Amino acid sequence: MGKFPLAEAEVLVLANELTSGLANNTTIYPTPPVTTANLTTLTSALVAAQNALTEAKALSEAATSAKLAALEAMAEAMKKDLRYAENTVDYDNEKLKLLGWSGRKPQTPMPAPGQTLELVVVEQGEGWVSLAWKKPISGGTVSVYKIYRRQRPAGSWMETAASIEREYTLTDQTRGTEWEYRVVASNKAGDGMASNIVLAVL
């Protein structure tokens, strides 16, 4: 048993084949419940509706383009007047409010990042270790992550690498040494709080 198509184009193809087949085989199919004339009329109505929709879409696209062009022209004209107003009153907020506008907002200094989170040793081998961590959930945008290490138990922390990603593999690490690692998020405002410390014996 055939399966009736779902796609509109396939329905139209089947309609044409059905109409033609009924018209050419009246001996086999003498009295179909919907005559070939009616099928032809219905097919023509569908094609007309398709054409009307295509024309409507074209008109809609043209109207949308015209609207966007009008909006852009209006916005550019408004920006010119607003720049004129800003310069005329030297960004006086009270006077610019008369136009529904405001002057320059005072710049807010970018804060330093928050604490780097969940530092872990992903993998390690002889003389190398791969670290991964999560970004801070507070503070300013991170520009770079600084990776520090120190020798256990009481060595001094030394910056050993930097990464813009949240993972890094350190190589050429002294073998047979207990190293502690931590990561600090940083930007132009300063450094955030150091992450937790992880231990690796390479």
N, C-alpha and C. Protein backbone atom coordinates (compact mmCIF):
# COMPACT_ATOMS: atom_id res chain seq x y z
N MET A 1 0.85 -1.20 0.00
CA MET A 1 0.00 0.00 0.00
C MET A 1 0.87 1.23 0.00
N GLY A 2 0.57 2.15 -0.91
CA GLY A 2 1.37 3.36 -1.01
C GLY A 2 1.18 4.27 0.20
N LYS A 3 2.17 5.11 0.44
CA LYS A 3 2.11 6.06 1.54
C LYS A 3 1.92 7.46 0.98
N PHE A 4 0.86 8.13 1.44
CA PHE A 4 0.57 9.46 0.91
C PHE A 4 1.70 10.42 1.29
N PRO A 5 2.20 11.18 0.32
CA PRO A 5 3.33 12.08 0.61
C PRO A 5 2.94 13.22 1.55
N LEU A 6 3.94 13.72 2.27
CA LEU A 6 3.72 14.84 3.18
C LEU A 6 4.23 16.16 2.59
N ALA A 7 5.28 16.09 1.79
CA ALA A 7 5.84 17.31 1.20
C ALA A 7 4.91 17.88 0.15
N GLU A 8 4.76 19.18 0.15
CA GLU A 8 3.83 19.86 -0.76
C GLU A 8 4.16 19.57 -2.23
N ALA A 9 5.45 19.62 -2.56
CA ALA A 9 5.84 19.38 -3.96
C ALA A 9 5.49 17.96 -4.40
N GLU A 10 5.66 17.01 -3.48
CA GLU A 10 5.37 15.62 -3.82
C GLU A 10 3.86 15.40 -3.96
N VAL A 11 3.07 16.11 -3.15
CA VAL A 11 1.61 16.03 -3.27
C VAL A 11 1.17 16.54 -4.64
N LEU A 12 1.78 17.63 -5.09
CA LEU A 12 1.43 18.21 -6.39
C LEU A 12 1.80 17.27 -7.54
N VAL A 13 2.96 16.63 -7.44
CA VAL A 13 3.37 15.66 -8.46
C VAL A 13 2.38 14.50 -8.51
N LEU A 14 2.00 13.99 -7.35
CA LEU A 14 1.05 12.87 -7.30
C LEU A 14 -0.31 13.30 -7.86
N ALA A 15 -0.72 14.54 -7.57
CA ALA A 15 -2.01 15.03 -8.08
C ALA A 15 -2.03 15.04 -9.60
N ASN A 16 -0.95 15.50 -10.21
CA ASN A 16 -0.88 15.52 -11.68
C ASN A 16 -0.89 14.11 -12.26
N GLU A 17 -0.15 13.20 -11.61
CA GLU A 17 -0.12 11.82 -12.10
C GLU A 17 -1.49 11.16 -11.93
N LEU A 18 -2.17 11.42 -10.80
CA LEU A 18 -3.48 10.85 -10.56
C LEU A 18 -4.51 11.36 -11.56
N THR A 19 -4.49 12.68 -11.81
CA THR A 19 -5.43 13.27 -12.77
C THR A 19 -5.22 12.69 -14.17
N SER A 20 -3.96 12.64 -14.56
CA SER A 20 -3.65 12.10 -15.89
C SER A 20 -4.02 10.62 -15.98
N GLY A 21 -3.72 9.85 -14.95
CA GLY A 21 -4.01 8.42 -14.97
C GLY A 21 -5.51 8.14 -15.03
N LEU A 22 -6.31 8.91 -14.27
CA LEU A 22 -7.77 8.71 -14.31
C LEU A 22 -8.34 9.09 -15.67
N ALA A 23 -7.81 10.19 -16.25
CA ALA A 23 -8.32 10.65 -17.54
C ALA A 23 -7.98 9.67 -18.66
N ASN A 24 -6.83 9.02 -18.56
CA ASN A 24 -6.39 8.12 -19.62
C ASN A 24 -6.86 6.68 -19.43
N ASN A 25 -7.51 6.41 -18.32
CA ASN A 25 -7.94 5.02 -18.05
C ASN A 25 -9.37 4.98 -17.52
N THR A 26 -10.27 5.59 -18.28
CA THR A 26 -11.69 5.65 -17.85
C THR A 26 -12.37 4.30 -17.88
N THR A 27 -11.83 3.38 -18.68
CA THR A 27 -12.41 2.04 -18.71
C THR A 27 -12.18 1.33 -17.39
N ILE A 28 -10.97 1.54 -16.84
CA ILE A 28 -10.62 0.89 -15.57
C ILE A 28 -11.25 1.63 -14.40
N TYR A 29 -11.20 2.99 -14.49
CA TYR A 29 -11.72 3.83 -13.40
C TYR A 29 -12.83 4.73 -13.95
N PRO A 30 -14.04 4.14 -14.16
CA PRO A 30 -15.11 4.90 -14.83
C PRO A 30 -15.75 6.00 -13.97
N THR A 31 -15.85 5.78 -12.66
CA THR A 31 -16.59 6.75 -11.83
C THR A 31 -15.83 7.09 -10.54
N PRO A 32 -14.70 7.81 -10.64
CA PRO A 32 -13.98 8.20 -9.42
C PRO A 32 -14.83 9.18 -8.61
N PRO A 33 -14.75 9.14 -7.26
CA PRO A 33 -15.57 10.03 -6.44
C PRO A 33 -15.28 11.51 -6.67
N VAL A 34 -14.05 11.84 -7.05
CA VAL A 34 -13.70 13.22 -7.43
C VAL A 34 -13.29 13.17 -8.89
N THR A 35 -14.01 13.87 -9.71
CA THR A 35 -13.76 13.81 -11.16
C THR A 35 -12.42 14.44 -11.50
N THR A 36 -11.92 14.08 -12.68
CA THR A 36 -10.65 14.67 -13.13
C THR A 36 -10.78 16.18 -13.29
N ALA A 37 -11.95 16.63 -13.67
CA ALA A 37 -12.16 18.08 -13.82
C ALA A 37 -12.01 18.77 -12.47
N ASN A 38 -12.59 18.17 -11.42
CA ASN A 38 -12.47 18.75 -10.09
C ASN A 38 -11.04 18.68 -9.57
N LEU A 39 -10.37 17.57 -9.86
CA LEU A 39 -8.97 17.46 -9.45
C LEU A 39 -8.11 18.53 -10.13
N THR A 40 -8.39 18.76 -11.42
CA THR A 40 -7.66 19.80 -12.15
C THR A 40 -7.91 21.18 -11.54
N THR A 41 -9.17 21.44 -11.18
CA THR A 41 -9.51 22.72 -10.56
C THR A 41 -8.79 22.90 -9.23
N LEU A 42 -8.76 21.84 -8.41
CA LEU A 42 -8.10 21.90 -7.11
C LEU A 42 -6.58 22.08 -7.25
N THR A 43 -6.02 21.40 -8.26
CA THR A 43 -4.58 21.54 -8.51
C THR A 43 -4.25 22.97 -8.94
N SER A 44 -5.08 23.51 -9.83
CA SER A 44 -4.87 24.88 -10.28
C SER A 44 -4.97 25.87 -9.11
N ALA A 45 -5.90 25.60 -8.19
CA ALA A 45 -6.05 26.47 -7.02
C ALA A 45 -4.80 26.44 -6.14
N LEU A 46 -4.22 25.23 -5.99
CA LEU A 46 -2.99 25.11 -5.20
C LEU A 46 -1.85 25.88 -5.86
N VAL A 47 -1.69 25.70 -7.18
CA VAL A 47 -0.61 26.40 -7.89
C VAL A 47 -0.80 27.91 -7.78
N ALA A 48 -2.04 28.37 -7.91
CA ALA A 48 -2.32 29.81 -7.79
C ALA A 48 -1.98 30.31 -6.39
N ALA A 49 -2.30 29.50 -5.37
CA ALA A 49 -1.99 29.89 -3.99
C ALA A 49 -0.48 29.93 -3.76
N GLN A 50 0.25 28.97 -4.35
CA GLN A 50 1.71 28.97 -4.25
C GLN A 50 2.30 30.23 -4.88
N ASN A 51 1.80 30.56 -6.07
CA ASN A 51 2.30 31.76 -6.75
C ASN A 51 1.99 33.02 -5.96
N ALA A 52 0.79 33.07 -5.37
CA ALA A 52 0.41 34.24 -4.57
C ALA A 52 1.32 34.37 -3.35
N LEU A 53 1.64 33.22 -2.73
CA LEU A 53 2.53 33.24 -1.57
C LEU A 53 3.92 33.72 -1.96
N THR A 54 4.42 33.25 -3.10
CA THR A 54 5.74 33.68 -3.57
C THR A 54 5.77 35.18 -3.80
N GLU A 55 4.72 35.70 -4.41
CA GLU A 55 4.64 37.15 -4.65
C GLU A 55 4.55 37.91 -3.33
N ALA A 56 3.77 37.37 -2.40
CA ALA A 56 3.63 38.03 -1.09
C ALA A 56 4.96 38.06 -0.36
N LYS A 57 5.72 36.96 -0.44
CA LYS A 57 7.03 36.93 0.21
C LYS A 57 7.96 37.97 -0.40
N ALA A 58 7.92 38.08 -1.73
CA ALA A 58 8.77 39.07 -2.41
C ALA A 58 8.39 40.48 -1.97
N LEU A 59 7.09 40.75 -1.89
CA LEU A 59 6.64 42.06 -1.44
C LEU A 59 7.03 42.32 0.01
N SER A 60 6.93 41.27 0.84
CA SER A 60 7.29 41.41 2.25
C SER A 60 8.78 41.71 2.40
N GLU A 61 9.61 41.01 1.63
CA GLU A 61 11.05 41.26 1.69
C GLU A 61 11.39 42.67 1.24
N ALA A 62 10.71 43.13 0.19
CA ALA A 62 10.95 44.49 -0.29
C ALA A 62 10.51 45.51 0.76
N ALA A 63 9.35 45.24 1.41
CA ALA A 63 8.87 46.15 2.44
C ALA A 63 9.80 46.17 3.64
N THR A 64 10.33 45.00 4.01
CA THR A 64 11.26 44.93 5.13
C THR A 64 12.54 45.70 4.83
N SER A 65 13.06 45.55 3.61
CA SER A 65 14.26 46.28 3.21
C SER A 65 14.03 47.78 3.24
N ALA A 66 12.85 48.20 2.77
CA ALA A 66 12.52 49.63 2.77
C ALA A 66 12.42 50.16 4.19
N LYS A 67 11.82 49.36 5.07
CA LYS A 67 11.69 49.78 6.47
C LYS A 67 13.05 49.93 7.13
N LEU A 68 13.96 48.94 6.90
CA LEU A 68 15.29 49.00 7.49
C LEU A 68 16.07 50.20 6.97
N ALA A 69 15.92 50.50 5.68
CA ALA A 69 16.60 51.66 5.11
C ALA A 69 16.08 52.95 5.73
N ALA A 70 14.76 53.02 5.92
CA ALA A 70 14.18 54.21 6.54
C ALA A 70 14.64 54.36 7.98
N LEU A 71 14.72 53.23 8.71
CA LEU A 71 15.18 53.27 10.09
C LEU A 71 16.62 53.73 10.18
N GLU A 72 17.46 53.20 9.29
CA GLU A 72 18.88 53.58 9.29
C GLU A 72 19.05 55.06 8.99
N ALA A 73 18.28 55.57 8.00
CA ALA A 73 18.37 56.99 7.65
C ALA A 73 17.94 57.88 8.82
N MET A 74 16.85 57.48 9.49
CA MET A 74 16.36 58.25 10.63
C MET A 74 17.38 58.22 11.77
N ALA A 75 17.96 57.04 12.05
CA ALA A 75 18.93 56.92 13.14
C ALA A 75 20.17 57.77 12.87
N GLU A 76 20.66 57.77 11.64
CA GLU A 76 21.84 58.58 11.31
C GLU A 76 21.55 60.06 11.48
N ALA A 77 20.35 60.50 11.07
CA ALA A 77 19.97 61.90 11.24
C ALA A 77 19.89 62.26 12.72
N MET A 78 19.31 61.38 13.53
CA MET A 78 19.20 61.62 14.97
C MET A 78 20.57 61.69 15.63
N LYS A 79 21.48 60.81 15.23
CA LYS A 79 22.83 60.81 15.81
C LYS A 79 23.55 62.13 15.53
N LYS A 80 23.34 62.67 14.33
CA LYS A 80 23.97 63.95 14.01
C LYS A 80 23.47 65.05 14.94
N ASP A 81 22.14 65.07 15.18
CA ASP A 81 21.58 66.09 16.08
C ASP A 81 22.03 65.87 17.51
N LEU A 82 22.13 64.61 17.92
CA LEU A 82 22.56 64.34 19.29
C LEU A 82 24.02 64.69 19.50
N ARG A 83 24.87 64.42 18.51
CA ARG A 83 26.27 64.83 18.62
C ARG A 83 26.39 66.35 18.68
N TYR A 84 25.57 67.01 17.86
CA TYR A 84 25.54 68.48 17.89
C TYR A 84 25.14 68.97 19.27
N ALA A 85 24.09 68.35 19.84
CA ALA A 85 23.60 68.78 21.16
C ALA A 85 24.65 68.54 22.24
N GLU A 86 25.31 67.37 22.20
CA GLU A 86 26.35 67.07 23.19
C GLU A 86 27.47 68.10 23.17
N ASN A 87 27.91 68.42 21.97
CA ASN A 87 29.00 69.39 21.84
C ASN A 87 28.55 70.81 22.21
N THR A 88 27.30 71.13 21.89
CA THR A 88 26.79 72.48 22.16
C THR A 88 26.72 72.77 23.66
N VAL A 89 26.27 71.77 24.43
CA VAL A 89 26.11 71.99 25.88
C VAL A 89 27.22 71.32 26.68
N ASP A 90 28.27 70.87 26.00
CA ASP A 90 29.41 70.25 26.66
C ASP A 90 28.98 69.10 27.58
N TYR A 91 28.11 68.26 27.06
CA TYR A 91 27.66 67.04 27.74
C TYR A 91 26.97 67.33 29.08
N ASP A 92 26.29 68.46 29.16
CA ASP A 92 25.53 68.80 30.36
C ASP A 92 24.28 67.91 30.41
N ASN A 93 24.25 67.01 31.40
CA ASN A 93 23.15 66.04 31.47
C ASN A 93 21.78 66.70 31.61
N GLU A 94 21.71 67.75 32.44
CA GLU A 94 20.42 68.39 32.66
C GLU A 94 19.87 68.97 31.37
N LYS A 95 20.73 69.57 30.57
CA LYS A 95 20.27 70.16 29.30
C LYS A 95 19.99 69.08 28.26
N LEU A 96 20.76 68.01 28.28
CA LEU A 96 20.52 66.93 27.32
C LEU A 96 19.25 66.16 27.64
N LYS A 97 18.86 66.16 28.91
CA LYS A 97 17.60 65.49 29.28
C LYS A 97 16.41 66.14 28.60
N LEU A 98 16.55 67.43 28.23
CA LEU A 98 15.47 68.11 27.53
C LEU A 98 15.19 67.46 26.17
N LEU A 99 16.19 66.73 25.67
CA LEU A 99 16.06 66.05 24.37
C LEU A 99 15.83 64.54 24.55
N GLY A 100 15.64 64.12 25.80
CA GLY A 100 15.50 62.69 26.04
C GLY A 100 16.81 61.96 25.97
N TRP A 101 17.92 62.68 26.17
CA TRP A 101 19.26 62.12 26.02
C TRP A 101 20.05 62.34 27.29
N SER A 102 21.26 61.83 27.34
CA SER A 102 22.13 62.07 28.49
C SER A 102 23.56 62.15 28.03
N GLY A 103 24.37 62.74 28.85
CA GLY A 103 25.78 62.91 28.50
C GLY A 103 26.58 61.64 28.75
N ARG A 104 27.88 61.77 28.68
CA ARG A 104 28.74 60.62 28.90
C ARG A 104 28.64 60.14 30.34
N LYS A 105 28.54 58.83 30.49
CA LYS A 105 28.54 58.25 31.82
C LYS A 105 29.98 58.13 32.31
N PRO A 106 30.20 58.41 33.60
CA PRO A 106 31.56 58.28 34.12
C PRO A 106 32.05 56.84 33.98
N GLN A 107 33.28 56.69 33.57
CA GLN A 107 33.83 55.36 33.37
C GLN A 107 34.05 54.66 34.71
N THR A 108 33.63 53.42 34.77
CA THR A 108 33.83 52.62 35.97
C THR A 108 35.09 51.79 35.79
N PRO A 109 36.05 51.93 36.69
CA PRO A 109 37.29 51.16 36.54
C PRO A 109 37.00 49.66 36.54
N MET A 110 37.71 48.95 35.69
CA MET A 110 37.56 47.50 35.65
C MET A 110 38.15 46.88 36.91
N PRO A 111 37.41 46.01 37.59
CA PRO A 111 37.98 45.36 38.78
C PRO A 111 38.91 44.22 38.38
N ALA A 112 39.77 43.86 39.29
CA ALA A 112 40.60 42.67 39.08
C ALA A 112 39.72 41.43 39.09
N PRO A 113 40.16 40.34 38.50
CA PRO A 113 39.36 39.12 38.51
C PRO A 113 39.21 38.57 39.92
N GLY A 114 38.25 37.67 40.07
CA GLY A 114 38.08 36.96 41.33
C GLY A 114 39.03 35.78 41.41
N GLN A 115 38.73 34.87 42.31
CA GLN A 115 39.61 33.72 42.53
C GLN A 115 39.43 32.67 41.45
N THR A 116 40.55 32.16 40.94
CA THR A 116 40.52 31.04 40.02
C THR A 116 40.05 29.80 40.78
N LEU A 117 39.21 28.98 40.14
CA LEU A 117 38.53 27.90 40.85
C LEU A 117 38.94 26.51 40.38
N GLU A 118 38.90 25.59 41.29
CA GLU A 118 39.00 24.13 41.03
C GLU A 118 40.19 23.74 40.15
N LEU A 119 41.37 24.15 40.56
CA LEU A 119 42.59 23.72 39.89
C LEU A 119 42.80 22.23 40.15
N VAL A 120 43.09 21.48 39.08
CA VAL A 120 43.33 20.04 39.21
C VAL A 120 44.51 19.63 38.33
N VAL A 121 45.15 18.54 38.72
CA VAL A 121 46.16 17.90 37.87
C VAL A 121 45.41 16.93 36.96
N VAL A 122 45.44 17.19 35.66
CA VAL A 122 44.72 16.34 34.71
C VAL A 122 45.53 15.08 34.41
N GLU A 123 46.82 15.27 34.22
CA GLU A 123 47.70 14.15 33.86
C GLU A 123 49.13 14.57 34.14
N GLN A 124 50.00 13.61 34.39
CA GLN A 124 51.40 13.94 34.62
C GLN A 124 52.28 12.79 34.19
N GLY A 125 53.55 13.12 33.96
CA GLY A 125 54.52 12.12 33.56
C GLY A 125 55.89 12.55 34.02
N GLU A 126 56.93 11.95 33.48
CA GLU A 126 58.29 12.27 33.89
C GLU A 126 58.67 13.66 33.36
N GLY A 127 58.71 14.61 34.23
CA GLY A 127 59.14 15.96 33.86
C GLY A 127 58.05 16.84 33.29
N TRP A 128 56.78 16.39 33.35
CA TRP A 128 55.71 17.24 32.83
C TRP A 128 54.42 17.02 33.62
N VAL A 129 53.56 18.05 33.58
CA VAL A 129 52.29 17.97 34.27
C VAL A 129 51.27 18.84 33.54
N SER A 130 50.04 18.33 33.38
CA SER A 130 48.97 19.08 32.74
C SER A 130 47.98 19.54 33.82
N LEU A 131 47.70 20.84 33.81
CA LEU A 131 46.79 21.44 34.77
C LEU A 131 45.55 21.96 34.07
N ALA A 132 44.44 22.01 34.81
CA ALA A 132 43.21 22.61 34.29
C ALA A 132 42.49 23.28 35.46
N TRP A 133 41.68 24.29 35.14
CA TRP A 133 41.00 25.05 36.19
C TRP A 133 39.75 25.70 35.62
N LYS A 134 38.95 26.31 36.50
CA LYS A 134 37.75 27.01 36.09
C LYS A 134 37.91 28.51 36.32
N LYS A 135 37.22 29.29 35.49
CA LYS A 135 37.35 30.73 35.58
C LYS A 135 36.68 31.28 36.84
N PRO A 136 37.08 32.47 37.28
CA PRO A 136 36.43 33.08 38.45
C PRO A 136 34.96 33.36 38.16
N ILE A 137 34.16 33.35 39.20
CA ILE A 137 32.74 33.66 39.04
C ILE A 137 32.45 35.10 39.46
N SER A 138 33.48 35.84 39.82
CA SER A 138 33.30 37.24 40.21
C SER A 138 34.47 38.05 39.69
N GLY A 139 34.36 39.38 39.83
CA GLY A 139 35.44 40.25 39.41
C GLY A 139 35.41 40.57 37.93
N GLY A 140 36.49 41.21 37.47
CA GLY A 140 36.57 41.65 36.08
C GLY A 140 36.95 40.54 35.13
N THR A 141 36.91 40.87 33.85
CA THR A 141 37.25 39.90 32.80
C THR A 141 38.72 39.50 32.89
N VAL A 142 38.97 38.22 32.73
CA VAL A 142 40.34 37.70 32.81
C VAL A 142 41.08 37.95 31.50
N SER A 143 42.29 38.51 31.60
CA SER A 143 43.13 38.68 30.42
C SER A 143 44.08 37.51 30.25
N VAL A 144 44.61 37.03 31.37
CA VAL A 144 45.59 35.94 31.32
C VAL A 144 45.59 35.21 32.66
N TYR A 145 45.95 33.95 32.61
CA TYR A 145 46.12 33.16 33.83
C TYR A 145 47.62 32.95 34.06
N LYS A 146 48.08 33.30 35.26
CA LYS A 146 49.49 33.11 35.62
C LYS A 146 49.62 31.82 36.43
N ILE A 147 50.57 31.00 36.04
CA ILE A 147 50.78 29.71 36.69
C ILE A 147 52.04 29.80 37.55
N TYR A 148 51.88 29.51 38.83
CA TYR A 148 52.98 29.57 39.78
C TYR A 148 53.31 28.18 40.29
N ARG A 149 54.58 28.01 40.70
CA ARG A 149 54.98 26.76 41.34
C ARG A 149 55.95 27.06 42.47
N ARG A 150 56.04 26.09 43.38
CA ARG A 150 57.05 26.17 44.42
C ARG A 150 57.41 24.76 44.83
N GLN A 151 58.63 24.60 45.34
CA GLN A 151 59.07 23.28 45.78
C GLN A 151 58.63 23.06 47.22
N ARG A 152 58.03 21.89 47.46
CA ARG A 152 57.64 21.58 48.83
C ARG A 152 58.88 21.32 49.69
N PRO A 153 58.83 21.64 50.98
CA PRO A 153 57.64 22.10 51.70
C PRO A 153 57.57 23.62 51.87
N ALA A 154 58.66 24.34 51.60
CA ALA A 154 58.64 25.76 51.96
C ALA A 154 59.32 26.63 50.91
N GLY A 155 59.29 26.21 49.65
CA GLY A 155 59.89 27.04 48.61
C GLY A 155 59.09 28.30 48.35
N SER A 156 59.70 29.25 47.66
CA SER A 156 59.01 30.50 47.31
C SER A 156 58.21 30.30 46.02
N TRP A 157 57.04 30.96 45.95
CA TRP A 157 56.23 30.89 44.74
C TRP A 157 56.91 31.67 43.62
N MET A 158 57.01 31.03 42.45
CA MET A 158 57.61 31.66 41.28
C MET A 158 56.67 31.48 40.09
N GLU A 159 56.45 32.57 39.32
CA GLU A 159 55.63 32.46 38.11
C GLU A 159 56.42 31.66 37.09
N THR A 160 55.80 30.60 36.57
CA THR A 160 56.51 29.71 35.65
C THR A 160 55.93 29.67 34.25
N ALA A 161 54.67 30.15 34.10
CA ALA A 161 54.05 30.15 32.76
C ALA A 161 52.81 31.03 32.81
N ALA A 162 52.25 31.30 31.64
CA ALA A 162 51.02 32.07 31.52
C ALA A 162 50.19 31.48 30.39
N SER A 163 48.87 31.58 30.52
CA SER A 163 47.98 30.99 29.53
C SER A 163 46.71 31.82 29.41
N ILE A 164 46.19 31.94 28.19
CA ILE A 164 44.89 32.58 28.00
C ILE A 164 43.77 31.53 28.01
N GLU A 165 44.15 30.26 27.97
CA GLU A 165 43.19 29.17 28.08
C GLU A 165 43.09 28.73 29.53
N ARG A 166 42.13 27.82 29.81
CA ARG A 166 41.96 27.34 31.17
C ARG A 166 42.58 25.95 31.35
N GLU A 167 43.69 25.76 30.67
CA GLU A 167 44.47 24.54 30.82
C GLU A 167 45.88 24.80 30.31
N TYR A 168 46.83 24.05 30.82
CA TYR A 168 48.21 24.27 30.39
C TYR A 168 49.04 23.05 30.77
N THR A 169 50.00 22.70 29.91
CA THR A 169 50.92 21.62 30.19
C THR A 169 52.31 22.20 30.40
N LEU A 170 52.84 21.97 31.59
CA LEU A 170 54.19 22.42 31.92
C LEU A 170 55.17 21.30 31.62
N THR A 171 56.22 21.62 30.90
CA THR A 171 57.25 20.63 30.56
C THR A 171 58.57 21.05 31.20
N ASP A 172 59.56 20.19 31.06
CA ASP A 172 60.90 20.45 31.60
C ASP A 172 60.87 20.75 33.10
N GLN A 173 59.96 20.07 33.81
CA GLN A 173 59.92 20.20 35.27
C GLN A 173 60.93 19.23 35.89
N THR A 174 61.62 19.67 36.91
CA THR A 174 62.66 18.86 37.54
C THR A 174 62.07 17.56 38.07
N ARG A 175 62.67 16.46 37.68
CA ARG A 175 62.16 15.16 38.09
C ARG A 175 62.51 14.86 39.54
N GLY A 176 61.71 13.98 40.14
CA GLY A 176 61.96 13.56 41.51
C GLY A 176 61.75 14.66 42.53
N THR A 177 61.00 15.67 42.15
CA THR A 177 60.78 16.81 43.05
C THR A 177 59.29 16.96 43.32
N GLU A 178 58.95 17.30 44.54
CA GLU A 178 57.56 17.58 44.88
C GLU A 178 57.28 19.04 44.57
N TRP A 179 56.41 19.27 43.57
CA TRP A 179 56.06 20.63 43.18
C TRP A 179 54.61 20.92 43.56
N GLU A 180 54.40 22.13 44.07
CA GLU A 180 53.05 22.63 44.30
C GLU A 180 52.75 23.69 43.24
N TYR A 181 51.52 23.70 42.75
CA TYR A 181 51.12 24.63 41.71
C TYR A 181 49.86 25.39 42.14
N ARG A 182 49.76 26.61 41.67
CA ARG A 182 48.54 27.40 41.84
C ARG A 182 48.40 28.32 40.64
N VAL A 183 47.18 28.83 40.39
CA VAL A 183 46.91 29.67 39.23
C VAL A 183 46.24 30.95 39.70
N VAL A 184 46.65 32.06 39.10
CA VAL A 184 46.10 33.37 39.45
C VAL A 184 45.55 34.03 38.18
N ALA A 185 44.29 34.46 38.21
CA ALA A 185 43.69 35.19 37.09
C ALA A 185 44.13 36.64 37.17
N SER A 186 44.38 37.26 36.02
CA SER A 186 44.90 38.62 36.02
C SER A 186 44.33 39.43 34.87
N ASN A 187 44.22 40.75 35.08
CA ASN A 187 43.92 41.69 34.00
C ASN A 187 44.65 43.00 34.31
N LYS A 188 44.39 44.04 33.54
CA LYS A 188 45.14 45.28 33.72
C LYS A 188 44.89 45.95 35.07
N ALA A 189 43.80 45.55 35.74
CA ALA A 189 43.51 46.12 37.06
C ALA A 189 44.30 45.43 38.16
N GLY A 190 44.81 44.24 37.89
CA GLY A 190 45.59 43.53 38.90
C GLY A 190 45.32 42.04 38.90
N ASP A 191 45.79 41.38 39.94
CA ASP A 191 45.65 39.93 40.07
C ASP A 191 44.51 39.58 41.02
N GLY A 192 43.87 38.46 40.73
CA GLY A 192 42.84 37.94 41.63
C GLY A 192 43.45 37.06 42.69
N MET A 193 42.60 36.48 43.51
CA MET A 193 43.06 35.58 44.56
C MET A 193 43.53 34.27 43.93
N ALA A 194 44.60 33.73 44.47
CA ALA A 194 45.16 32.49 43.92
C ALA A 194 44.19 31.33 44.11
N SER A 195 44.30 30.37 43.20
CA SER A 195 43.46 29.17 43.27
C SER A 195 43.92 28.28 44.43
N ASN A 196 43.23 27.18 44.56
CA ASN A 196 43.69 26.12 45.47
C ASN A 196 45.04 25.60 44.98
N ILE A 197 45.74 24.92 45.83
CA ILE A 197 47.07 24.39 45.52
C ILE A 197 46.95 22.91 45.19
N VAL A 198 47.69 22.46 44.15
CA VAL A 198 47.74 21.04 43.82
C VAL A 198 49.20 20.57 43.89
N LEU A 199 49.39 19.29 44.15
CA LEU A 199 50.72 18.71 44.31
C LEU A 199 50.98 17.72 43.19
N ALA A 200 52.21 17.76 42.68
CA ALA A 200 52.61 16.77 41.67
C ALA A 200 54.05 16.36 41.96
N VAL A 201 54.32 15.05 41.94
CA VAL A 201 55.68 14.52 42.07
C VAL A 201 56.08 13.98 40.72
N LEU A 202 57.01 14.62 40.06
CA LEU A 202 57.34 14.29 38.67
C LEU A 202 58.58 13.44 38.56
